[in-house]
Amino acid sequence: MKRTVALISAIALVLIGISMSVYNTFRAAEWEDFFTELTQTSAEIPETVVEKGDEMNRIAIINIEGVIQDIPISQGIFAIQGGYNHQMTIAAIKNIIEDDTTKAIILNINSPGGGVYESAEIHKYLVEAKAKGKKIYSSMGNMAASGGYYVSAPADKIFATNETITGSIGVIMQNINYHELAEKYGVKFETYKSGEMKDMLSPTKETPETEKEYIQSIVDSMYSDFVTVVSEGRGMSEKDVRKLADGRIYLGSEAMKNGLVDEEGYFDDALNALKKEVGKNPQVYAVGGDPSALGFFNLKAPDMIQSLFKQNDIETIQALMQRRQGIQPMYLYE
């Protein structure tokens, strides 16, 4: 009896081993295909025609949804969840600048803002597009606050609805300080630094007034840049902008009254108005193409990746990545 059980166990182990070997072979092949596709690059940005029309007279839709941050990994494995792609946005605007067939841009914005650098980079190339004679309209969705407003500022016309949350003109830098908690439990930190400011805003020590003043000067400088962007984009005096730019948010209806928004309307209203201004039956296309397409700008993991994580797990990981420790100036409302 014992020999029979041992024989059956041995056969079972062999069968399990063979099954695992076959499974691992196919799994390895799938992973190899995935990473091959993941590393493929393409100089071309996919486009999807939304409305047929004159191919020599086109309007480009650029979607800016989510936090405006350049986080490459969020466009990789987690691209199955969608999100903002900074590199694609910048590359698309650069292409439009040089594309004589694209006469106008409509920004479709639903964003609380994001990084100072990324917002400024988008603004820079939109200004260049405008200087090349491209018409720019901005359509604000549920939210276009802080950096979301920053990138809208150079638009020839800004649309919002009564329900849109916008404004939040300002800069924020924030960190967590837990040195008192550490002291309470007898935790000590030893820091060796090359200069007085090398551990600036360290969470393990009390922040000296000199550091606070220096950080505030950085925030003030970036805030002045924001005010200038709004002043130049909206044709308002800096004094008038500063009255509105204390960081508060505005509903779209209030933003129309104070001059931050031009007209009430949804995306279709903004697009129709832009089509009339461009004239001659323009073709309308969206930058980015099919979000399920593989390549450098739009990546999709195998289905098994998605099955490894629950929706809330992925969101948690993304949140941790976006709130990584370290000071980072943000044009962000949250």
Protein backbone atom coordinates (compact mmCIF):
# COMPACT_ATOMS: atom_id res chain seq x y z
CA MET A 1 0.00 0.00 0.00
CA LYS A 2 2.78 2.41 0.94
CA ARG A 3 4.57 1.63 -2.36
CA THR A 4 1.37 2.35 -4.29
CA VAL A 5 0.88 5.71 -2.53
CA ALA A 6 4.54 6.58 -3.13
CA LEU A 7 4.24 5.66 -6.82
CA ILE A 8 1.07 7.73 -7.25
CA SER A 9 2.73 10.67 -5.45
CA ALA A 10 5.77 10.41 -7.70
CA ILE A 11 3.62 10.35 -10.85
CA ALA A 12 1.64 13.33 -9.58
CA LEU A 13 4.82 15.28 -8.91
CA VAL A 14 6.12 14.49 -12.40
CA LEU A 15 2.85 15.60 -14.00
CA ILE A 16 2.83 18.80 -11.92
CA GLY A 17 6.44 19.44 -12.91
CA ILE A 18 5.67 18.98 -16.60
CA SER A 19 2.60 21.21 -16.34
CA MET A 20 4.55 23.96 -14.57
CA SER A 21 7.34 23.71 -17.14
CA VAL A 22 4.88 24.10 -20.04
CA TYR A 23 3.08 26.92 -18.22
CA ASN A 24 6.33 28.76 -17.48
CA THR A 25 7.44 28.39 -21.09
CA PHE A 26 4.26 30.04 -22.38
CA ARG A 27 4.31 32.63 -19.61
CA ALA A 28 7.96 33.50 -20.36
CA ALA A 29 7.10 33.86 -24.05
CA GLU A 30 4.21 36.17 -23.19
CA TRP A 31 6.42 38.30 -20.93
CA GLU A 32 9.11 38.42 -23.63
CA ASP A 33 6.56 39.63 -26.18
CA PHE A 34 5.26 42.18 -23.68
CA PHE A 35 8.67 43.68 -22.89
CA THR A 36 9.61 43.69 -26.57
CA GLU A 37 6.48 45.71 -27.28
CA LEU A 38 7.12 47.85 -24.21
CA THR A 39 10.52 48.97 -25.47
CA GLN A 40 9.40 49.70 -29.01
CA THR A 41 9.43 53.39 -29.88
CA SER A 42 7.68 55.32 -32.54
CA ALA A 43 8.37 58.84 -33.80
CA GLU A 44 4.78 59.14 -34.94
CA ILE A 45 1.98 60.11 -32.62
CA PRO A 46 -1.27 58.33 -33.47
CA GLU A 47 -4.22 60.45 -34.56
CA THR A 48 -7.91 59.58 -34.66
CA VAL A 49 -10.20 61.44 -37.05
CA VAL A 50 -13.24 62.58 -35.07
CA GLU A 51 -14.99 64.52 -37.85
CA LYS A 52 -14.25 64.20 -41.55
CA GLY A 53 -13.44 67.32 -43.48
CA ASP A 54 -10.72 69.15 -45.37
CA GLU A 55 -7.43 67.37 -44.67
CA MET A 56 -5.55 70.60 -45.39
CA ASN A 57 -7.59 72.51 -42.85
CA ARG A 58 -7.52 70.63 -39.55
CA ILE A 59 -8.32 71.13 -35.87
CA ALA A 60 -6.40 69.11 -33.28
CA ILE A 61 -7.96 67.98 -30.01
CA ILE A 62 -5.45 67.66 -27.17
CA ASN A 63 -6.78 65.94 -24.06
CA ILE A 64 -5.25 66.97 -20.75
CA GLU A 65 -6.83 64.74 -18.13
CA GLY A 66 -5.52 63.97 -14.68
CA VAL A 67 -2.53 65.33 -12.81
CA ILE A 68 -0.09 67.11 -15.13
CA GLN A 69 3.06 65.21 -14.24
CA ASP A 70 5.74 63.45 -16.21
CA ILE A 71 5.76 60.00 -14.61
CA PRO A 72 6.88 57.52 -17.32
CA ILE A 73 5.90 54.35 -15.42
CA SER A 74 2.28 55.49 -15.25
CA GLN A 75 2.28 55.26 -19.03
CA GLY A 76 3.69 51.73 -18.92
CA ILE A 77 2.19 48.88 -16.97
CA PHE A 78 -0.52 51.10 -15.51
CA ALA A 79 -1.50 52.56 -18.89
CA ILE A 80 -4.41 50.14 -18.81
CA GLN A 81 -5.95 52.66 -16.42
CA GLY A 82 -5.35 55.62 -18.74
CA GLY A 83 -4.10 58.99 -17.56
CA TYR A 84 -2.10 62.01 -18.62
CA ASN A 85 0.92 61.44 -20.88
CA HIS A 86 3.23 64.44 -20.73
CA GLN A 87 5.76 63.34 -23.33
CA MET A 88 3.04 62.65 -25.87
CA THR A 89 1.39 66.03 -25.19
CA ILE A 90 4.61 67.97 -25.72
CA ALA A 91 5.56 65.97 -28.82
CA ALA A 92 2.06 66.52 -30.26
CA ILE A 93 2.18 70.29 -29.78
CA LYS A 94 5.65 70.42 -31.37
CA ASN A 95 4.33 68.51 -34.37
CA ILE A 96 1.37 70.84 -34.67
CA ILE A 97 3.66 73.87 -34.67
CA GLU A 98 5.38 72.52 -37.78
CA ASP A 99 2.21 71.13 -39.41
CA ASP A 100 0.75 73.62 -41.89
CA THR A 101 -2.43 71.56 -42.25
CA THR A 102 -3.38 72.01 -38.57
CA LYS A 103 -4.88 75.46 -38.21
CA ALA A 104 -6.18 75.28 -34.64
CA ILE A 105 -5.96 73.47 -31.31
CA ILE A 106 -8.72 72.79 -28.82
CA LEU A 107 -7.63 71.80 -25.33
CA ASN A 108 -9.99 69.39 -23.59
CA ILE A 109 -9.02 69.91 -19.95
CA ASN A 110 -10.10 67.99 -16.88
CA SER A 111 -7.22 68.45 -14.45
CA PRO A 112 -6.45 69.74 -10.94
CA GLY A 113 -3.08 70.92 -12.26
CA GLY A 114 0.27 69.40 -11.48
CA GLY A 115 3.99 70.06 -11.70
CA VAL A 116 5.35 73.57 -12.17
CA TYR A 117 7.83 72.39 -14.79
CA GLU A 118 5.34 70.37 -16.82
CA SER A 119 2.72 73.14 -16.80
CA ALA A 120 5.30 75.70 -17.89
CA GLU A 121 6.53 73.41 -20.69
CA ILE A 122 3.02 72.97 -22.12
CA HIS A 123 2.47 76.73 -21.89
CA LYS A 124 5.73 77.46 -23.70
CA TYR A 125 4.84 75.36 -26.74
CA LEU A 126 1.25 76.57 -26.87
CA VAL A 127 2.57 80.13 -27.02
CA GLU A 128 4.86 79.06 -29.87
CA ALA A 129 1.90 77.47 -31.68
CA LYS A 130 -0.08 80.67 -31.25
CA ALA A 131 2.84 82.69 -32.65
CA LYS A 132 2.72 80.42 -35.73
CA GLY A 133 -0.87 81.51 -36.31
CA LYS A 134 -2.65 78.53 -34.74
CA LYS A 135 -5.96 79.37 -33.06
CA ILE A 136 -6.25 77.94 -29.55
CA TYR A 137 -9.46 77.32 -27.63
CA SER A 138 -9.68 75.74 -24.19
CA SER A 139 -12.67 73.74 -22.98
CA MET A 140 -12.73 73.21 -19.23
CA GLY A 141 -14.55 70.13 -18.02
CA ASN A 142 -15.26 69.17 -14.45
CA MET A 143 -12.03 70.82 -13.28
CA ALA A 144 -9.30 73.02 -14.74
CA ALA A 145 -7.62 74.37 -11.64
CA SER A 146 -4.13 75.69 -10.92
CA GLY A 147 -1.86 74.11 -13.59
CA GLY A 148 -5.03 73.25 -15.51
CA TYR A 149 -5.73 76.97 -15.72
CA TYR A 150 -2.06 77.81 -16.33
CA VAL A 151 -2.04 75.85 -19.61
CA SER A 152 -5.37 77.43 -20.62
CA ALA A 153 -4.15 81.00 -20.14
CA PRO A 154 -2.70 81.53 -23.66
CA ALA A 155 -5.93 80.35 -25.33
CA ASP A 156 -7.76 82.78 -27.61
CA LYS A 157 -11.00 81.75 -25.93
CA ILE A 158 -11.76 79.78 -22.77
CA PHE A 159 -15.02 77.90 -22.27
CA ALA A 160 -16.39 76.55 -18.98
CA THR A 161 -19.73 75.53 -17.51
CA ASN A 162 -21.40 76.76 -14.35
CA GLU A 163 -20.25 73.56 -12.65
CA THR A 164 -16.58 73.77 -13.68
CA ILE A 165 -14.05 74.24 -10.87
CA THR A 166 -11.23 76.50 -11.96
CA GLY A 167 -8.89 79.16 -10.60
CA SER A 168 -6.66 78.05 -7.70
CA ILE A 169 -3.98 80.34 -9.10
CA GLY A 170 -0.92 79.79 -6.96
CA VAL A 171 1.96 77.53 -5.95
CA ILE A 172 2.25 75.01 -3.12
CA MET A 173 5.20 73.15 -1.60
CA GLN A 174 4.48 70.82 1.28
CA ASN A 175 6.22 68.22 3.40
CA ILE A 176 5.57 66.19 6.54
CA ASN A 177 7.71 66.83 9.60
CA TYR A 178 7.80 64.04 12.18
CA HIS A 179 10.87 64.95 14.25
CA GLU A 180 8.81 65.56 17.42
CA LEU A 181 7.16 62.15 17.06
CA ALA A 182 10.59 60.55 16.63
CA GLU A 183 11.91 62.31 19.72
CA LYS A 184 8.94 61.10 21.75
CA TYR A 185 9.88 57.49 21.01
CA GLY A 186 13.62 57.99 21.30
CA VAL A 187 14.40 57.82 17.58
CA LYS A 188 17.47 59.84 16.61
CA PHE A 189 18.69 60.71 13.11
CA GLU A 190 22.35 61.25 12.29
CA THR A 191 22.92 63.49 9.28
CA TYR A 192 26.23 64.24 7.60
CA LYS A 193 25.97 67.03 5.06
CA SER A 194 28.25 69.09 2.87
CA GLY A 195 26.42 72.37 3.43
CA GLU A 196 23.98 74.07 5.74
CA MET A 197 21.04 73.70 3.34
CA LYS A 198 21.75 70.17 2.10
CA ASP A 199 19.02 68.68 4.29
CA MET A 200 16.61 71.50 3.57
CA LEU A 201 13.04 70.67 4.67
CA SER A 202 14.16 67.38 6.18
CA PRO A 203 11.25 65.76 8.04
CA THR A 204 13.67 64.69 10.79
CA LYS A 205 14.51 68.13 12.17
CA GLU A 206 12.83 71.38 13.07
CA THR A 207 12.88 73.74 10.09
CA PRO A 208 14.97 76.87 10.81
CA GLU A 209 13.55 80.29 9.90
CA THR A 210 16.32 80.77 7.30
CA GLU A 211 15.12 77.69 5.43
CA LYS A 212 11.47 78.76 5.67
CA GLU A 213 12.31 82.17 4.25
CA TYR A 214 14.34 80.65 1.43
CA ILE A 215 11.59 78.18 0.46
CA GLN A 216 9.01 80.95 0.60
CA SER A 217 11.15 83.04 -1.78
CA ILE A 218 11.10 80.15 -4.28
CA VAL A 219 7.32 79.85 -3.99
CA ASP A 220 6.93 83.61 -4.40
CA SER A 221 9.07 83.59 -7.55
CA MET A 222 7.01 80.81 -9.13
CA TYR A 223 3.82 82.55 -8.08
CA SER A 224 4.96 85.72 -9.87
CA ASP A 225 5.54 83.64 -13.01
CA PHE A 226 1.99 82.28 -12.74
CA VAL A 227 0.56 85.78 -12.33
CA THR A 228 2.50 86.97 -15.38
CA VAL A 229 1.23 84.04 -17.47
CA VAL A 230 -2.39 84.86 -16.58
CA SER A 231 -1.85 88.60 -17.04
CA GLU A 232 -0.37 88.18 -20.53
CA GLY A 233 -2.80 85.47 -21.58
CA ARG A 234 -5.94 87.23 -20.42
CA GLY A 235 -4.89 90.81 -21.13
CA MET A 236 -5.33 91.77 -17.47
CA SER A 237 -3.11 93.90 -15.27
CA GLU A 238 -0.94 92.04 -12.75
CA LYS A 239 -2.68 93.97 -10.00
CA ASP A 240 -6.08 92.66 -11.10
CA VAL A 241 -4.76 89.12 -11.43
CA ARG A 242 -3.27 89.18 -7.93
CA LYS A 243 -6.68 90.13 -6.53
CA LEU A 244 -8.01 86.85 -7.94
CA ALA A 245 -4.90 84.77 -7.33
CA ASP A 246 -4.99 83.99 -3.63
CA GLY A 247 -5.29 80.27 -4.32
CA ARG A 248 -9.07 80.06 -4.10
CA ILE A 249 -11.14 78.09 -6.58
CA TYR A 250 -13.97 79.57 -8.64
CA LEU A 251 -17.01 78.01 -10.22
CA GLY A 252 -17.19 78.57 -13.96
CA SER A 253 -20.00 81.13 -13.63
CA GLU A 254 -17.91 83.22 -11.22
CA ALA A 255 -14.82 82.85 -13.40
CA MET A 256 -16.79 84.30 -16.33
CA LYS A 257 -17.67 87.34 -14.24
CA ASN A 258 -14.11 88.00 -13.05
CA GLY A 259 -12.54 87.60 -16.49
CA LEU A 260 -10.82 84.23 -16.16
CA VAL A 261 -13.25 82.56 -18.58
CA ASP A 262 -14.76 83.91 -21.82
CA GLU A 263 -17.88 81.88 -22.53
CA GLU A 264 -20.21 79.33 -21.00
CA GLY A 265 -20.33 76.02 -22.79
CA TYR A 266 -19.38 72.38 -22.96
CA PHE A 267 -16.74 70.82 -25.19
CA ASP A 268 -19.06 70.56 -28.20
CA ASP A 269 -19.96 74.25 -27.85
CA ALA A 270 -16.28 75.21 -27.82
CA LEU A 271 -15.50 72.94 -30.78
CA ASN A 272 -18.40 74.29 -32.85
CA ALA A 273 -17.31 77.86 -32.14
CA LEU A 274 -13.74 77.03 -33.19
CA LYS A 275 -14.93 75.31 -36.38
CA LYS A 276 -16.83 78.46 -37.34
CA GLU A 277 -13.74 80.59 -36.73
CA VAL A 278 -11.49 78.27 -38.74
CA GLY A 279 -14.10 77.89 -41.50
CA LYS A 280 -14.04 75.80 -44.71
CA ASN A 281 -15.29 72.48 -43.28
CA PRO A 282 -12.23 71.57 -41.16
CA GLN A 283 -11.25 68.02 -40.34
CA VAL A 284 -11.18 67.38 -36.58
CA TYR A 285 -8.75 64.85 -35.16
CA ALA A 286 -7.76 63.76 -31.65
CA VAL A 287 -4.11 63.40 -30.70
CA GLY A 288 -3.23 60.05 -29.16
CA GLY A 289 -5.27 57.71 -31.32
CA ASP A 290 -6.46 54.37 -29.98
CA PRO A 291 -5.45 54.16 -26.28
CA SER A 292 -5.11 50.39 -26.60
CA ALA A 293 -2.40 50.73 -29.26
CA LEU A 294 1.09 49.54 -28.37
CA GLY A 295 4.17 51.66 -28.72
CA PHE A 296 6.19 54.30 -26.89
CA PHE A 297 3.32 56.68 -26.17
CA ASN A 298 0.47 54.22 -25.65
CA LEU A 299 1.43 51.01 -23.89
CA LYS A 300 -0.74 48.10 -22.88
CA ALA A 301 0.27 45.21 -20.66
CA PRO A 302 -0.98 41.67 -21.30
CA ASP A 303 -4.35 40.88 -19.82
CA MET A 304 -2.69 38.84 -17.09
CA ILE A 305 -1.11 42.05 -15.68
CA GLN A 306 -4.53 43.54 -15.13
CA SER A 307 -5.69 40.41 -13.36
CA LEU A 308 -2.80 40.64 -10.87
CA PHE A 309 -4.14 43.84 -9.31
CA LYS A 310 -7.52 45.03 -8.16
CA GLN A 311 -8.57 48.50 -9.30
CA ASN A 312 -8.04 49.97 -5.83
CA ASP A 313 -4.56 48.40 -5.60
CA ILE A 314 -3.43 50.16 -8.77
CA GLU A 315 -4.88 53.45 -7.60
CA THR A 316 -3.05 53.08 -4.29
CA ILE A 317 0.27 52.44 -6.03
CA GLN A 318 -0.24 55.42 -8.33
CA ALA A 319 -1.13 57.63 -5.38
CA LEU A 320 2.02 56.59 -3.54
CA MET A 321 4.13 57.33 -6.61
CA GLN A 322 2.58 60.76 -7.10
CA ARG A 323 3.05 61.64 -3.45
CA ARG A 324 6.61 60.41 -3.17
CA GLN A 325 8.60 62.08 -0.42
CA GLY A 326 10.63 65.17 -1.25
CA ILE A 327 9.81 68.81 -1.88
CA GLN A 328 8.27 69.51 -5.25
CA PRO A 329 6.65 72.80 -6.23
CA MET A 330 3.20 72.25 -7.68
CA TYR A 331 0.54 74.22 -9.52
CA LEU A 332 -2.01 71.87 -8.00
CA TYR A 333 -5.41 71.98 -6.33
CA GLU A 334 -6.31 68.94 -4.19
